[in-house]
Amino acid sequence: MNNPNNSVLATLVVLLLWRVKEIAEACSCSPMHPQQAFCNADIVIRAKVVGRKEVNSGNDVYGDPIKRIRYDIKQIKMFKGPNEAVEHIFTAPTSAMCGVSLDTDSSKEYLITGKKESDGVHVTLCDFVEPWSDLTHTQTLSLNQRYQSGCVCRIVRCPSLPCSIGAPEECLWTDGVLESSYHGKQAKYFTCIPRSDASCNWYRGSHAPKKEFLDIEDP
């Protein structure tokens, strides 16, 4: 006769293993300033999502199909990338696997950054994907040239105070500790760009700075 305690124990072990698997598979991303996201991306576009479909993307090591979500998009403008328009982007099917969920209402526009792979453009929760209407005026203008000009610089996140930079080409990103949000003033209104002496500093503004500018100077 089976011991009911063994059945309960087996069930608990299965649930525990499932929970461990969920934790192991959970998506984890380091906070990233929009300028960093731009510089790290292969593709940066403004687009509308017009369709969604689950597709197979090959097989894993066990022979099981790898599921992906394919979003069909209508590209409005390309800020960074190849000459040809992007028509589809791919992402994982769940947020636990870093999949991005986008609204297929074609009236909604997004800023999408992603990586170019052999089978197309892939986007994850670790990329910068935001509704276009949520961007500040400075962010939208910085996409045209400002972020690109600062790709030679390095933005260093401040995890806790005190903190400091370790090289002249670095800018210290303090939104997380000073505003308890990584969508603070530096993310919304500032760009880390080089000066004539090759050092980098924060610059606030959407127009080109003077040849020599003061830190966080408005134009």
C-alpha atoms as a PDB file:
ATOM      1  CA  MET A   1       0.000   0.000   0.000  1.00  0.00           C
ATOM      2  CA  ASN A   2       1.392   3.393  -0.989  1.00  0.00           C
ATOM      3  CA  ASN A   3       2.317   5.794   1.769  1.00  0.00           C
ATOM      4  CA  PRO A   4       0.317   9.044   1.236  1.00  0.00           C
ATOM      5  CA  ASN A   5       3.183  10.980   2.764  1.00  0.00           C
ATOM      6  CA  ASN A   6       5.418   9.837  -0.097  1.00  0.00           C
ATOM      7  CA  SER A   7       2.913  11.169  -2.637  1.00  0.00           C
ATOM      8  CA  VAL A   8       2.765  14.525  -0.879  1.00  0.00           C
ATOM      9  CA  LEU A   9       6.559  14.667  -0.711  1.00  0.00           C
ATOM     10  CA  ALA A  10       6.863  13.821  -4.417  1.00  0.00           C
ATOM     11  CA  THR A  11       4.373  16.571  -5.278  1.00  0.00           C
ATOM     12  CA  LEU A  12       6.292  19.097  -3.200  1.00  0.00           C
ATOM     13  CA  VAL A  13       9.561  18.118  -4.883  1.00  0.00           C
ATOM     14  CA  VAL A  14       7.992  18.564  -8.337  1.00  0.00           C
ATOM     15  CA  LEU A  15       6.607  21.983  -7.378  1.00  0.00           C
ATOM     16  CA  LEU A  16       9.964  23.012  -5.920  1.00  0.00           C
ATOM     17  CA  LEU A  17      11.834  21.943  -9.042  1.00  0.00           C
ATOM     18  CA  TRP A  18       9.318  23.813 -11.193  1.00  0.00           C
ATOM     19  CA  ARG A  19       9.803  26.941  -9.092  1.00  0.00           C
ATOM     20  CA  VAL A  20      13.596  26.631  -9.340  1.00  0.00           C
ATOM     21  CA  LYS A  21      13.250  26.303 -13.101  1.00  0.00           C
ATOM     22  CA  GLU A  22      11.052  29.415 -13.224  1.00  0.00           C
ATOM     23  CA  ILE A  23      13.598  31.395 -11.212  1.00  0.00           C
ATOM     24  CA  ALA A  24      16.463  30.146 -13.369  1.00  0.00           C
ATOM     25  CA  GLU A  25      14.604  31.121 -16.525  1.00  0.00           C
ATOM     26  CA  ALA A  26      13.467  34.518 -15.236  1.00  0.00           C
ATOM     27  CA  CYS A  27      14.665  37.443 -17.314  1.00  0.00           C
ATOM     28  CA  SER A  28      17.214  39.682 -15.661  1.00  0.00           C
ATOM     29  CA  CYS A  29      18.563  42.869 -17.260  1.00  0.00           C
ATOM     30  CA  SER A  30      20.932  45.549 -16.045  1.00  0.00           C
ATOM     31  CA  PRO A  31      19.434  49.054 -16.241  1.00  0.00           C
ATOM     32  CA  MET A  32      20.572  50.858 -19.369  1.00  0.00           C
ATOM     33  CA  HIS A  33      20.571  54.540 -20.273  1.00  0.00           C
ATOM     34  CA  PRO A  34      18.787  55.198 -23.612  1.00  0.00           C
ATOM     35  CA  GLN A  35      22.075  56.358 -25.124  1.00  0.00           C
ATOM     36  CA  GLN A  36      23.703  53.041 -24.175  1.00  0.00           C
ATOM     37  CA  ALA A  37      20.793  51.149 -25.707  1.00  0.00           C
ATOM     38  CA  PHE A  38      21.199  53.131 -28.914  1.00  0.00           C
ATOM     39  CA  CYS A  39      24.958  52.544 -29.082  1.00  0.00           C
ATOM     40  CA  ASN A  40      24.677  48.820 -28.317  1.00  0.00           C
ATOM     41  CA  ALA A  41      21.889  48.173 -30.833  1.00  0.00           C
ATOM     42  CA  ASP A  42      22.262  47.088 -34.439  1.00  0.00           C
ATOM     43  CA  ILE A  43      18.822  48.442 -35.282  1.00  0.00           C
ATOM     44  CA  VAL A  44      17.022  51.542 -33.955  1.00  0.00           C
ATOM     45  CA  ILE A  45      13.665  52.326 -35.556  1.00  0.00           C
ATOM     46  CA  ARG A  46      10.363  54.051 -35.058  1.00  0.00           C
ATOM     47  CA  ALA A  47       7.570  51.699 -36.079  1.00  0.00           C
ATOM     48  CA  LYS A  48       3.989  50.515 -35.759  1.00  0.00           C
ATOM     49  CA  VAL A  49       3.078  46.892 -35.023  1.00  0.00           C
ATOM     50  CA  VAL A  50       0.522  45.565 -37.505  1.00  0.00           C
ATOM     51  CA  GLY A  51       0.539  41.831 -36.807  1.00  0.00           C
ATOM     52  CA  ARG A  52       1.594  39.067 -34.394  1.00  0.00           C
ATOM     53  CA  LYS A  53       2.244  35.359 -34.998  1.00  0.00           C
ATOM     54  CA  GLU A  54       3.892  32.501 -33.107  1.00  0.00           C
ATOM     55  CA  VAL A  55       6.510  30.792 -35.268  1.00  0.00           C
ATOM     56  CA  ASN A  56       9.097  28.021 -34.947  1.00  0.00           C
ATOM     57  CA  SER A  57      12.720  29.124 -34.957  1.00  0.00           C
ATOM     58  CA  GLY A  58      14.605  25.849 -35.323  1.00  0.00           C
ATOM     59  CA  ASN A  59      15.058  23.217 -32.605  1.00  0.00           C
ATOM     60  CA  ASP A  60      16.866  23.165 -29.284  1.00  0.00           C
ATOM     61  CA  VAL A  61      19.522  20.612 -28.288  1.00  0.00           C
ATOM     62  CA  TYR A  62      16.776  18.125 -27.362  1.00  0.00           C
ATOM     63  CA  GLY A  63      15.073  18.415 -30.739  1.00  0.00           C
ATOM     64  CA  ASP A  64      12.130  20.403 -29.415  1.00  0.00           C
ATOM     65  CA  PRO A  65      10.926  23.369 -31.490  1.00  0.00           C
ATOM     66  CA  ILE A  66      12.000  26.820 -30.352  1.00  0.00           C
ATOM     67  CA  LYS A  67       8.998  29.119 -30.262  1.00  0.00           C
ATOM     68  CA  ARG A  68       9.280  32.794 -31.140  1.00  0.00           C
ATOM     69  CA  ILE A  69       6.801  35.621 -31.516  1.00  0.00           C
ATOM     70  CA  ARG A  70       7.075  37.390 -34.846  1.00  0.00           C
ATOM     71  CA  TYR A  71       5.745  40.930 -34.923  1.00  0.00           C
ATOM     72  CA  ASP A  72       4.992  42.359 -38.342  1.00  0.00           C
ATOM     73  CA  ILE A  73       5.817  46.049 -38.315  1.00  0.00           C
ATOM     74  CA  LYS A  74       5.485  49.122 -40.458  1.00  0.00           C
ATOM     75  CA  GLN A  75       8.709  51.080 -40.209  1.00  0.00           C
ATOM     76  CA  ILE A  76       8.253  54.833 -39.967  1.00  0.00           C
ATOM     77  CA  LYS A  77      11.885  55.890 -39.598  1.00  0.00           C
ATOM     78  CA  MET A  78      15.255  54.203 -39.178  1.00  0.00           C
ATOM     79  CA  PHE A  79      17.761  55.949 -36.906  1.00  0.00           C
ATOM     80  CA  LYS A  80      20.384  53.213 -37.049  1.00  0.00           C
ATOM     81  CA  GLY A  81      20.710  50.118 -39.195  1.00  0.00           C
ATOM     82  CA  PRO A  82      20.984  48.824 -42.768  1.00  0.00           C
ATOM     83  CA  ASN A  83      19.487  50.533 -45.788  1.00  0.00           C
ATOM     84  CA  GLU A  84      16.600  48.090 -46.182  1.00  0.00           C
ATOM     85  CA  ALA A  85      13.432  48.574 -44.132  1.00  0.00           C
ATOM     86  CA  VAL A  86      12.700  46.232 -41.222  1.00  0.00           C
ATOM     87  CA  GLU A  87       9.422  44.353 -41.760  1.00  0.00           C
ATOM     88  CA  HIS A  88       9.512  41.856 -38.871  1.00  0.00           C
ATOM     89  CA  ILE A  89      11.015  41.591 -35.409  1.00  0.00           C
ATOM     90  CA  PHE A  90      11.314  38.426 -33.300  1.00  0.00           C
ATOM     91  CA  THR A  91      11.099  37.979 -29.547  1.00  0.00           C
ATOM     92  CA  ALA A  92      10.722  35.171 -26.989  1.00  0.00           C
ATOM     93  CA  PRO A  93       7.154  34.013 -26.220  1.00  0.00           C
ATOM     94  CA  THR A  94       7.193  34.965 -22.514  1.00  0.00           C
ATOM     95  CA  SER A  95       8.565  37.759 -20.352  1.00  0.00           C
ATOM     96  CA  ALA A  96      10.356  35.121 -18.224  1.00  0.00           C
ATOM     97  CA  MET A  97      12.429  34.418 -21.336  1.00  0.00           C
ATOM     98  CA  CYS A  98      12.927  38.165 -21.929  1.00  0.00           C
ATOM     99  CA  GLY A  99      10.142  38.333 -24.520  1.00  0.00           C
ATOM    100  CA  VAL A 100       8.667  41.741 -25.342  1.00  0.00           C
ATOM    101  CA  SER A 101       4.897  42.223 -25.483  1.00  0.00           C
ATOM    102  CA  LEU A 102       3.784  44.826 -28.038  1.00  0.00           C
ATOM    103  CA  ASP A 103       0.367  46.214 -28.840  1.00  0.00           C
ATOM    104  CA  THR A 104      -0.798  45.271 -32.342  1.00  0.00           C
ATOM    105  CA  ASP A 105      -3.002  48.365 -32.522  1.00  0.00           C
ATOM    106  CA  SER A 106      -1.466  49.998 -35.594  1.00  0.00           C
ATOM    107  CA  SER A 107      -2.184  53.481 -34.244  1.00  0.00           C
ATOM    108  CA  LYS A 108       0.442  53.009 -31.518  1.00  0.00           C
ATOM    109  CA  GLU A 109       4.066  53.778 -32.386  1.00  0.00           C
ATOM    110  CA  TYR A 110       7.178  52.432 -30.710  1.00  0.00           C
ATOM    111  CA  LEU A 111      10.864  53.171 -30.516  1.00  0.00           C
ATOM    112  CA  ILE A 112      12.496  49.765 -30.981  1.00  0.00           C
ATOM    113  CA  THR A 113      16.156  48.856 -30.505  1.00  0.00           C
ATOM    114  CA  GLY A 114      17.376  45.347 -31.290  1.00  0.00           C
ATOM    115  CA  LYS A 115      20.069  43.034 -32.598  1.00  0.00           C
ATOM    116  CA  LYS A 116      20.487  41.872 -36.201  1.00  0.00           C
ATOM    117  CA  GLU A 117      20.856  38.099 -36.386  1.00  0.00           C
ATOM    118  CA  SER A 118      21.006  35.673 -39.313  1.00  0.00           C
ATOM    119  CA  ASP A 119      17.242  35.134 -39.315  1.00  0.00           C
ATOM    120  CA  GLY A 120      16.196  38.726 -38.644  1.00  0.00           C
ATOM    121  CA  VAL A 121      15.976  41.403 -35.962  1.00  0.00           C
ATOM    122  CA  HIS A 122      15.611  40.112 -32.388  1.00  0.00           C
ATOM    123  CA  VAL A 123      14.311  42.187 -29.473  1.00  0.00           C
ATOM    124  CA  THR A 124      14.333  41.425 -25.740  1.00  0.00           C
ATOM    125  CA  LEU A 125      13.260  43.110 -22.519  1.00  0.00           C
ATOM    126  CA  CYS A 126      16.892  44.128 -22.105  1.00  0.00           C
ATOM    127  CA  ASP A 127      16.624  46.316 -25.209  1.00  0.00           C
ATOM    128  CA  PHE A 128      15.127  49.807 -25.126  1.00  0.00           C
ATOM    129  CA  VAL A 129      11.569  49.426 -26.427  1.00  0.00           C
ATOM    130  CA  GLU A 130       9.227  52.265 -25.511  1.00  0.00           C
ATOM    131  CA  PRO A 131       5.970  53.761 -26.791  1.00  0.00           C
ATOM    132  CA  TRP A 132       6.963  56.747 -28.899  1.00  0.00           C
ATOM    133  CA  SER A 133       4.518  58.953 -26.981  1.00  0.00           C
ATOM    134  CA  ASP A 134       6.402  58.234 -23.723  1.00  0.00           C
ATOM    135  CA  LEU A 135       9.698  59.665 -25.006  1.00  0.00           C
ATOM    136  CA  THR A 136      10.723  63.202 -24.146  1.00  0.00           C
ATOM    137  CA  HIS A 137      11.333  65.790 -26.838  1.00  0.00           C
ATOM    138  CA  THR A 138      15.063  65.654 -26.025  1.00  0.00           C
ATOM    139  CA  GLN A 139      15.134  61.860 -26.455  1.00  0.00           C
ATOM    140  CA  THR A 140      13.440  61.948 -29.858  1.00  0.00           C
ATOM    141  CA  LEU A 141      15.821  64.615 -31.153  1.00  0.00           C
ATOM    142  CA  SER A 142      18.873  62.837 -29.690  1.00  0.00           C
ATOM    143  CA  LEU A 143      18.093  59.785 -31.825  1.00  0.00           C
ATOM    144  CA  ASN A 144      19.079  61.674 -34.969  1.00  0.00           C
ATOM    145  CA  GLN A 145      22.705  62.412 -34.049  1.00  0.00           C
ATOM    146  CA  ARG A 146      23.310  63.184 -30.380  1.00  0.00           C
ATOM    147  CA  TYR A 147      23.320  59.607 -29.065  1.00  0.00           C
ATOM    148  CA  GLN A 148      25.588  58.499 -31.911  1.00  0.00           C
ATOM    149  CA  SER A 149      28.095  61.240 -31.107  1.00  0.00           C
ATOM    150  CA  GLY A 150      28.360  59.904 -27.566  1.00  0.00           C
ATOM    151  CA  CYS A 151      29.025  56.270 -28.438  1.00  0.00           C
ATOM    152  CA  VAL A 152      32.746  56.840 -27.826  1.00  0.00           C
ATOM    153  CA  CYS A 153      31.886  57.613 -24.194  1.00  0.00           C
ATOM    154  CA  ARG A 154      30.932  55.174 -21.464  1.00  0.00           C
ATOM    155  CA  ILE A 155      28.021  55.618 -19.061  1.00  0.00           C
ATOM    156  CA  VAL A 156      28.665  54.149 -15.609  1.00  0.00           C
ATOM    157  CA  ARG A 157      25.677  53.352 -13.398  1.00  0.00           C
ATOM    158  CA  CYS A 158      25.939  54.403  -9.765  1.00  0.00           C
ATOM    159  CA  PRO A 159      24.527  51.487  -7.689  1.00  0.00           C
ATOM    160  CA  SER A 160      24.849  53.241  -4.328  1.00  0.00           C
ATOM    161  CA  LEU A 161      26.423  56.346  -2.843  1.00  0.00           C
ATOM    162  CA  PRO A 162      29.234  57.252  -2.757  1.00  0.00           C
ATOM    163  CA  CYS A 163      30.277  56.419  -6.298  1.00  0.00           C
ATOM    164  CA  SER A 164      32.614  57.898  -8.876  1.00  0.00           C
ATOM    165  CA  ILE A 165      33.947  57.483 -12.399  1.00  0.00           C
ATOM    166  CA  GLY A 166      37.257  55.800 -13.064  1.00  0.00           C
ATOM    167  CA  ALA A 167      38.257  57.369 -16.386  1.00  0.00           C
ATOM    168  CA  PRO A 168      37.780  60.730 -18.173  1.00  0.00           C
ATOM    169  CA  GLU A 169      35.653  59.151 -20.917  1.00  0.00           C
ATOM    170  CA  GLU A 170      33.001  58.087 -18.384  1.00  0.00           C
ATOM    171  CA  CYS A 171      29.795  59.786 -17.226  1.00  0.00           C
ATOM    172  CA  LEU A 172      28.222  58.833 -13.897  1.00  0.00           C
ATOM    173  CA  TRP A 173      24.539  57.845 -14.150  1.00  0.00           C
ATOM    174  CA  THR A 174      22.881  58.599 -10.801  1.00  0.00           C
ATOM    175  CA  ASP A 175      19.140  58.391 -11.597  1.00  0.00           C
ATOM    176  CA  GLY A 176      18.763  55.117  -9.700  1.00  0.00           C
ATOM    177  CA  VAL A 177      20.103  56.426  -6.396  1.00  0.00           C
ATOM    178  CA  LEU A 178      18.979  60.057  -6.547  1.00  0.00           C
ATOM    179  CA  GLU A 179      15.511  59.550  -8.036  1.00  0.00           C
ATOM    180  CA  SER A 180      14.869  55.869  -7.269  1.00  0.00           C
ATOM    181  CA  SER A 181      14.106  55.389 -10.960  1.00  0.00           C
ATOM    182  CA  TYR A 182      16.126  54.624 -14.064  1.00  0.00           C
ATOM    183  CA  HIS A 183      13.736  56.826 -16.025  1.00  0.00           C
ATOM    184  CA  GLY A 184      14.937  59.972 -14.272  1.00  0.00           C
ATOM    185  CA  LYS A 185      16.281  63.285 -15.514  1.00  0.00           C
ATOM    186  CA  GLN A 186      19.568  61.938 -16.875  1.00  0.00           C
ATOM    187  CA  ALA A 187      17.764  59.270 -18.908  1.00  0.00           C
ATOM    188  CA  LYS A 188      15.163  61.710 -20.196  1.00  0.00           C
ATOM    189  CA  TYR A 189      17.164  64.876 -20.833  1.00  0.00           C
ATOM    190  CA  PHE A 190      20.912  64.180 -20.808  1.00  0.00           C
ATOM    191  CA  THR A 191      23.484  62.743 -23.187  1.00  0.00           C
ATOM    192  CA  CYS A 192      27.063  61.791 -22.363  1.00  0.00           C
ATOM    193  CA  ILE A 193      29.171  63.294 -25.140  1.00  0.00           C
ATOM    194  CA  PRO A 194      32.886  63.979 -25.742  1.00  0.00           C
ATOM    195  CA  ARG A 195      34.588  67.318 -25.356  1.00  0.00           C
ATOM    196  CA  SER A 196      37.558  68.562 -27.354  1.00  0.00           C
ATOM    197  CA  ASP A 197      40.034  67.130 -24.787  1.00  0.00           C
ATOM    198  CA  ALA A 198      38.541  63.610 -25.295  1.00  0.00           C
ATOM    199  CA  SER A 199      36.900  63.623 -21.863  1.00  0.00           C
ATOM    200  CA  CYS A 200      33.152  63.036 -21.677  1.00  0.00           C
ATOM    201  CA  ASN A 201      30.506  64.950 -19.767  1.00  0.00           C
ATOM    202  CA  TRP A 202      26.751  65.109 -19.433  1.00  0.00           C
ATOM    203  CA  TYR A 203      25.073  67.601 -21.709  1.00  0.00           C
ATOM    204  CA  ARG A 204      21.484  68.703 -21.383  1.00  0.00           C
ATOM    205  CA  GLY A 205      19.811  69.902 -24.541  1.00  0.00           C
ATOM    206  CA  SER A 206      18.647  68.785 -27.962  1.00  0.00           C
ATOM    207  CA  HIS A 207      20.806  71.038 -30.137  1.00  0.00           C
ATOM    208  CA  ALA A 208      24.503  70.685 -30.878  1.00  0.00           C
ATOM    209  CA  PRO A 209      26.657  72.007 -28.034  1.00  0.00           C
ATOM    210  CA  LYS A 210      29.248  74.701 -28.362  1.00  0.00           C
ATOM    211  CA  LYS A 211      32.784  73.486 -29.013  1.00  0.00           C
ATOM    212  CA  GLU A 212      33.546  73.944 -25.316  1.00  0.00           C
ATOM    213  CA  PHE A 213      30.592  73.401 -23.027  1.00  0.00           C
ATOM    214  CA  LEU A 214      30.097  73.289 -19.288  1.00  0.00           C
ATOM    215  CA  ASP A 215      28.764  70.168 -17.608  1.00  0.00           C
ATOM    216  CA  ILE A 216      24.951  69.771 -17.808  1.00  0.00           C
ATOM    217  CA  GLU A 217      24.735  72.992 -19.800  1.00  0.00           C
ATOM    218  CA  ASP A 218      21.542  73.940 -21.579  1.00  0.00           C
ATOM    219  CA  PRO A 219      22.072  75.328 -25.090  1.00  0.00           C
END
